[in-house]
Amino acid sequence: MSAALTPSLTSDLSVADGATPTPRCDSIVQIGNHTVTVSVCVLRAEERELVAASVAWLAAASTVPAPALKNDAWHALIERVLSPYVAFTVDHDEPERLGGAWWDQAMREATKSFIHANTLEDLIRQFLVSIDAQSRRTTAVS
């Protein structure tokens, strides 16, 4: 993840513009030598399916060859999907200097925490099966 696309460390988009604060679930993870508090939104029931579909689509899209995913646009897309739901607190004076590999790991941990806190595993699995079936139909037709 490029330094310009490092997830926000202080702003929480879930409470921006006077919105009602969303319940949060915090977990502490170790990434490299740094302790990170990952705070994720607990989704309302009506949000779960849409967000699970988005996460499943990102997971399916991430299976393309790696060079296609090593660009700022891909990281910006992931950040746009997840940043409203995830906040980080990092024990580092200059977190923007932690580097791309560190932030990639931080985003993986945050995504796992978010999926677990919202029990999205089954919904995501269902969407992935559907995406796979659609892909196979499209491939068979072409």
C-alpha atoms as a PDB file:
ATOM      1  CA  MET A   1       0.000   0.000   0.000  1.00  0.00           C
ATOM      2  CA  SER A   2       1.508   3.315  -0.932  1.00  0.00           C
ATOM      3  CA  ALA A   3       2.060   5.940   1.708  1.00  0.00           C
ATOM      4  CA  ALA A   4      -0.602   8.127   0.070  1.00  0.00           C
ATOM      5  CA  LEU A   5      -3.130   5.323   0.543  1.00  0.00           C
ATOM      6  CA  THR A   6      -2.329   4.494   4.151  1.00  0.00           C
ATOM      7  CA  PRO A   7      -5.645   4.073   5.992  1.00  0.00           C
ATOM      8  CA  SER A   8      -6.697   6.971   8.139  1.00  0.00           C
ATOM      9  CA  LEU A   9      -5.425   6.755  11.681  1.00  0.00           C
ATOM     10  CA  THR A  10      -7.581   9.420  13.250  1.00  0.00           C
ATOM     11  CA  SER A  11     -10.778   9.911  11.288  1.00  0.00           C
ATOM     12  CA  ASP A  12     -13.614   7.447  11.638  1.00  0.00           C
ATOM     13  CA  LEU A  13     -15.953   7.837   8.688  1.00  0.00           C
ATOM     14  CA  SER A  14     -18.725   5.962  10.496  1.00  0.00           C
ATOM     15  CA  VAL A  15     -19.370   9.024  12.672  1.00  0.00           C
ATOM     16  CA  ALA A  16     -18.676  11.734  10.088  1.00  0.00           C
ATOM     17  CA  ASP A  17     -21.198  14.458   9.333  1.00  0.00           C
ATOM     18  CA  GLY A  18     -23.113  14.069  12.605  1.00  0.00           C
ATOM     19  CA  ALA A  19     -24.158  10.469  12.001  1.00  0.00           C
ATOM     20  CA  THR A  20     -25.151   8.373  14.989  1.00  0.00           C
ATOM     21  CA  PRO A  21     -22.086   6.477  16.228  1.00  0.00           C
ATOM     22  CA  THR A  22     -22.059   2.836  15.218  1.00  0.00           C
ATOM     23  CA  PRO A  23     -21.278   0.182  17.847  1.00  0.00           C
ATOM     24  CA  ARG A  24     -17.663  -0.913  17.579  1.00  0.00           C
ATOM     25  CA  CYS A  25     -15.670  -4.019  18.367  1.00  0.00           C
ATOM     26  CA  ASP A  26     -12.013  -3.542  19.257  1.00  0.00           C
ATOM     27  CA  SER A  27      -9.242  -6.106  19.046  1.00  0.00           C
ATOM     28  CA  ILE A  28      -5.516  -5.912  19.586  1.00  0.00           C
ATOM     29  CA  VAL A  29      -3.170  -7.528  17.069  1.00  0.00           C
ATOM     30  CA  GLN A  30       0.578  -7.658  16.714  1.00  0.00           C
ATOM     31  CA  ILE A  31       1.898  -6.694  13.284  1.00  0.00           C
ATOM     32  CA  GLY A  32       5.643  -6.932  13.097  1.00  0.00           C
ATOM     33  CA  ASN A  33       7.011  -5.161  16.158  1.00  0.00           C
ATOM     34  CA  HIS A  34       3.934  -2.977  16.613  1.00  0.00           C
ATOM     35  CA  THR A  35       0.808  -3.420  18.674  1.00  0.00           C
ATOM     36  CA  VAL A  36      -2.268  -2.292  16.758  1.00  0.00           C
ATOM     37  CA  THR A  37      -5.772  -1.713  18.033  1.00  0.00           C
ATOM     38  CA  VAL A  38      -8.227  -2.485  15.267  1.00  0.00           C
ATOM     39  CA  SER A  39     -11.651  -0.973  15.842  1.00  0.00           C
ATOM     40  CA  VAL A  40     -14.381  -2.223  13.512  1.00  0.00           C
ATOM     41  CA  CYS A  41     -18.014  -1.222  13.123  1.00  0.00           C
ATOM     42  CA  VAL A  42     -20.674  -3.693  14.081  1.00  0.00           C
ATOM     43  CA  LEU A  43     -23.054  -3.557  11.135  1.00  0.00           C
ATOM     44  CA  ARG A  44     -26.800  -3.141  11.346  1.00  0.00           C
ATOM     45  CA  ALA A  45     -28.718  -6.170  10.064  1.00  0.00           C
ATOM     46  CA  GLU A  46     -29.733  -4.377   6.874  1.00  0.00           C
ATOM     47  CA  GLU A  47     -26.087  -3.546   6.031  1.00  0.00           C
ATOM     48  CA  ARG A  48     -24.659  -7.046   6.370  1.00  0.00           C
ATOM     49  CA  GLU A  49     -25.637  -8.458   2.971  1.00  0.00           C
ATOM     50  CA  LEU A  50     -24.408  -5.490   0.906  1.00  0.00           C
ATOM     51  CA  VAL A  51     -21.102  -5.310   2.763  1.00  0.00           C
ATOM     52  CA  ALA A  52     -20.622  -9.107   2.554  1.00  0.00           C
ATOM     53  CA  ALA A  53     -21.196  -8.913  -1.221  1.00  0.00           C
ATOM     54  CA  SER A  54     -18.563  -6.167  -1.504  1.00  0.00           C
ATOM     55  CA  VAL A  55     -16.019  -8.120   0.544  1.00  0.00           C
ATOM     56  CA  ALA A  56     -16.728 -11.277  -1.500  1.00  0.00           C
ATOM     57  CA  TRP A  57     -16.248  -9.358  -4.736  1.00  0.00           C
ATOM     58  CA  LEU A  58     -12.912  -7.994  -3.478  1.00  0.00           C
ATOM     59  CA  ALA A  59     -11.849 -11.497  -2.446  1.00  0.00           C
ATOM     60  CA  ALA A  60     -12.780 -12.927  -5.849  1.00  0.00           C
ATOM     61  CA  ALA A  61     -11.085 -10.070  -7.687  1.00  0.00           C
ATOM     62  CA  SER A  62      -7.923 -10.553  -5.638  1.00  0.00           C
ATOM     63  CA  THR A  63      -7.407 -13.973  -7.238  1.00  0.00           C
ATOM     64  CA  VAL A  64      -6.230 -12.389 -10.497  1.00  0.00           C
ATOM     65  CA  PRO A  65      -2.470 -12.479 -11.166  1.00  0.00           C
ATOM     66  CA  ALA A  66      -0.554 -10.536  -8.538  1.00  0.00           C
ATOM     67  CA  PRO A  67       0.930  -7.783 -10.772  1.00  0.00           C
ATOM     68  CA  ALA A  68      -2.582  -6.542 -11.515  1.00  0.00           C
ATOM     69  CA  LEU A  69      -3.118  -5.982  -7.779  1.00  0.00           C
ATOM     70  CA  LYS A  70       0.129  -4.167  -7.095  1.00  0.00           C
ATOM     71  CA  ASN A  71      -1.112  -0.732  -7.997  1.00  0.00           C
ATOM     72  CA  ASP A  72      -2.496   2.279  -6.198  1.00  0.00           C
ATOM     73  CA  ALA A  73      -5.935   1.998  -7.819  1.00  0.00           C
ATOM     74  CA  TRP A  74      -6.484  -1.490  -6.355  1.00  0.00           C
ATOM     75  CA  HIS A  75      -5.424  -0.359  -2.892  1.00  0.00           C
ATOM     76  CA  ALA A  76      -7.620   2.743  -3.172  1.00  0.00           C
ATOM     77  CA  LEU A  77     -10.613   0.538  -4.015  1.00  0.00           C
ATOM     78  CA  ILE A  78     -10.018  -1.685  -0.994  1.00  0.00           C
ATOM     79  CA  GLU A  79      -9.635   1.364   1.196  1.00  0.00           C
ATOM     80  CA  ARG A  80     -12.873   2.909  -0.150  1.00  0.00           C
ATOM     81  CA  VAL A  81     -14.797  -0.280   0.642  1.00  0.00           C
ATOM     82  CA  LEU A  82     -13.368  -0.883   4.123  1.00  0.00           C
ATOM     83  CA  SER A  83     -12.357   2.522   5.519  1.00  0.00           C
ATOM     84  CA  PRO A  84     -15.860   3.494   6.665  1.00  0.00           C
ATOM     85  CA  TYR A  85     -15.854   0.435   8.923  1.00  0.00           C
ATOM     86  CA  VAL A  86     -12.279   0.181  10.210  1.00  0.00           C
ATOM     87  CA  ALA A  87     -10.051   2.407  12.352  1.00  0.00           C
ATOM     88  CA  PHE A  88      -6.471   1.741  13.491  1.00  0.00           C
ATOM     89  CA  THR A  89      -4.487   2.875  16.486  1.00  0.00           C
ATOM     90  CA  VAL A  90      -0.782   2.158  16.037  1.00  0.00           C
ATOM     91  CA  ASP A  91       1.996   2.474  18.614  1.00  0.00           C
ATOM     92  CA  HIS A  92       4.303   4.339  16.222  1.00  0.00           C
ATOM     93  CA  ASP A  93       5.330   7.992  16.034  1.00  0.00           C
ATOM     94  CA  GLU A  94       5.165   8.057  12.217  1.00  0.00           C
ATOM     95  CA  PRO A  95       2.771   5.304  11.053  1.00  0.00           C
ATOM     96  CA  GLU A  96       2.944   6.537   7.467  1.00  0.00           C
ATOM     97  CA  ARG A  97       6.557   5.323   7.437  1.00  0.00           C
ATOM     98  CA  LEU A  98       5.700   1.716   8.292  1.00  0.00           C
ATOM     99  CA  GLY A  99       5.651   0.793   4.615  1.00  0.00           C
ATOM    100  CA  GLY A 100       3.377  -0.937   2.167  1.00  0.00           C
ATOM    101  CA  ALA A 101       3.945  -4.514   3.327  1.00  0.00           C
ATOM    102  CA  TRP A 102       3.163  -3.548   6.918  1.00  0.00           C
ATOM    103  CA  TRP A 103      -0.080  -1.795   5.900  1.00  0.00           C
ATOM    104  CA  ASP A 104      -1.070  -4.723   3.684  1.00  0.00           C
ATOM    105  CA  GLN A 105      -0.792  -6.981   6.747  1.00  0.00           C
ATOM    106  CA  ALA A 106      -2.686  -4.439   8.860  1.00  0.00           C
ATOM    107  CA  MET A 107      -5.521  -4.383   6.307  1.00  0.00           C
ATOM    108  CA  ARG A 108      -5.643  -8.202   6.241  1.00  0.00           C
ATOM    109  CA  GLU A 109      -5.933  -8.303  10.030  1.00  0.00           C
ATOM    110  CA  ALA A 110      -8.550  -5.546  10.030  1.00  0.00           C
ATOM    111  CA  THR A 111     -10.574  -7.341   7.352  1.00  0.00           C
ATOM    112  CA  LYS A 112     -10.493 -10.591   9.338  1.00  0.00           C
ATOM    113  CA  SER A 113     -11.563  -8.721  12.496  1.00  0.00           C
ATOM    114  CA  PHE A 114     -14.364  -6.986  10.616  1.00  0.00           C
ATOM    115  CA  ILE A 115     -15.667 -10.220   9.065  1.00  0.00           C
ATOM    116  CA  HIS A 116     -15.528 -12.046  12.402  1.00  0.00           C
ATOM    117  CA  ALA A 117     -17.130  -9.231  14.443  1.00  0.00           C
ATOM    118  CA  ASN A 118     -20.037  -9.113  12.008  1.00  0.00           C
ATOM    119  CA  THR A 119     -20.306 -12.888  11.469  1.00  0.00           C
ATOM    120  CA  LEU A 120     -20.079 -12.375   7.712  1.00  0.00           C
ATOM    121  CA  GLU A 121     -18.292 -15.658   6.989  1.00  0.00           C
ATOM    122  CA  ASP A 122     -21.351 -17.566   5.727  1.00  0.00           C
ATOM    123  CA  LEU A 123     -22.702 -14.662   3.680  1.00  0.00           C
ATOM    124  CA  ILE A 124     -19.322 -14.086   2.051  1.00  0.00           C
ATOM    125  CA  ARG A 125     -19.007 -17.803   1.311  1.00  0.00           C
ATOM    126  CA  GLN A 126     -22.445 -17.788  -0.356  1.00  0.00           C
ATOM    127  CA  PHE A 127     -21.518 -14.782  -2.498  1.00  0.00           C
ATOM    128  CA  LEU A 128     -18.193 -16.376  -3.483  1.00  0.00           C
ATOM    129  CA  VAL A 129     -20.006 -19.527  -4.621  1.00  0.00           C
ATOM    130  CA  SER A 130     -22.374 -17.373  -6.648  1.00  0.00           C
ATOM    131  CA  ILE A 131     -19.516 -15.343  -8.171  1.00  0.00           C
ATOM    132  CA  ASP A 132     -17.664 -18.566  -9.047  1.00  0.00           C
ATOM    133  CA  ALA A 133     -20.770 -20.077 -10.664  1.00  0.00           C
ATOM    134  CA  GLN A 134     -21.347 -16.908 -12.699  1.00  0.00           C
ATOM    135  CA  SER A 135     -17.712 -16.869 -13.786  1.00  0.00           C
ATOM    136  CA  ARG A 136     -17.930 -20.484 -14.936  1.00  0.00           C
ATOM    137  CA  ARG A 137     -21.105 -19.736 -16.942  1.00  0.00           C
ATOM    138  CA  THR A 138     -19.465 -16.716 -18.554  1.00  0.00           C
ATOM    139  CA  THR A 139     -16.337 -18.729 -19.406  1.00  0.00           C
ATOM    140  CA  ALA A 140     -18.418 -21.591 -20.833  1.00  0.00           C
ATOM    141  CA  VAL A 141     -20.373 -19.177 -23.070  1.00  0.00           C
ATOM    142  CA  SER A 142     -17.336 -17.345 -24.432  1.00  0.00           C
END
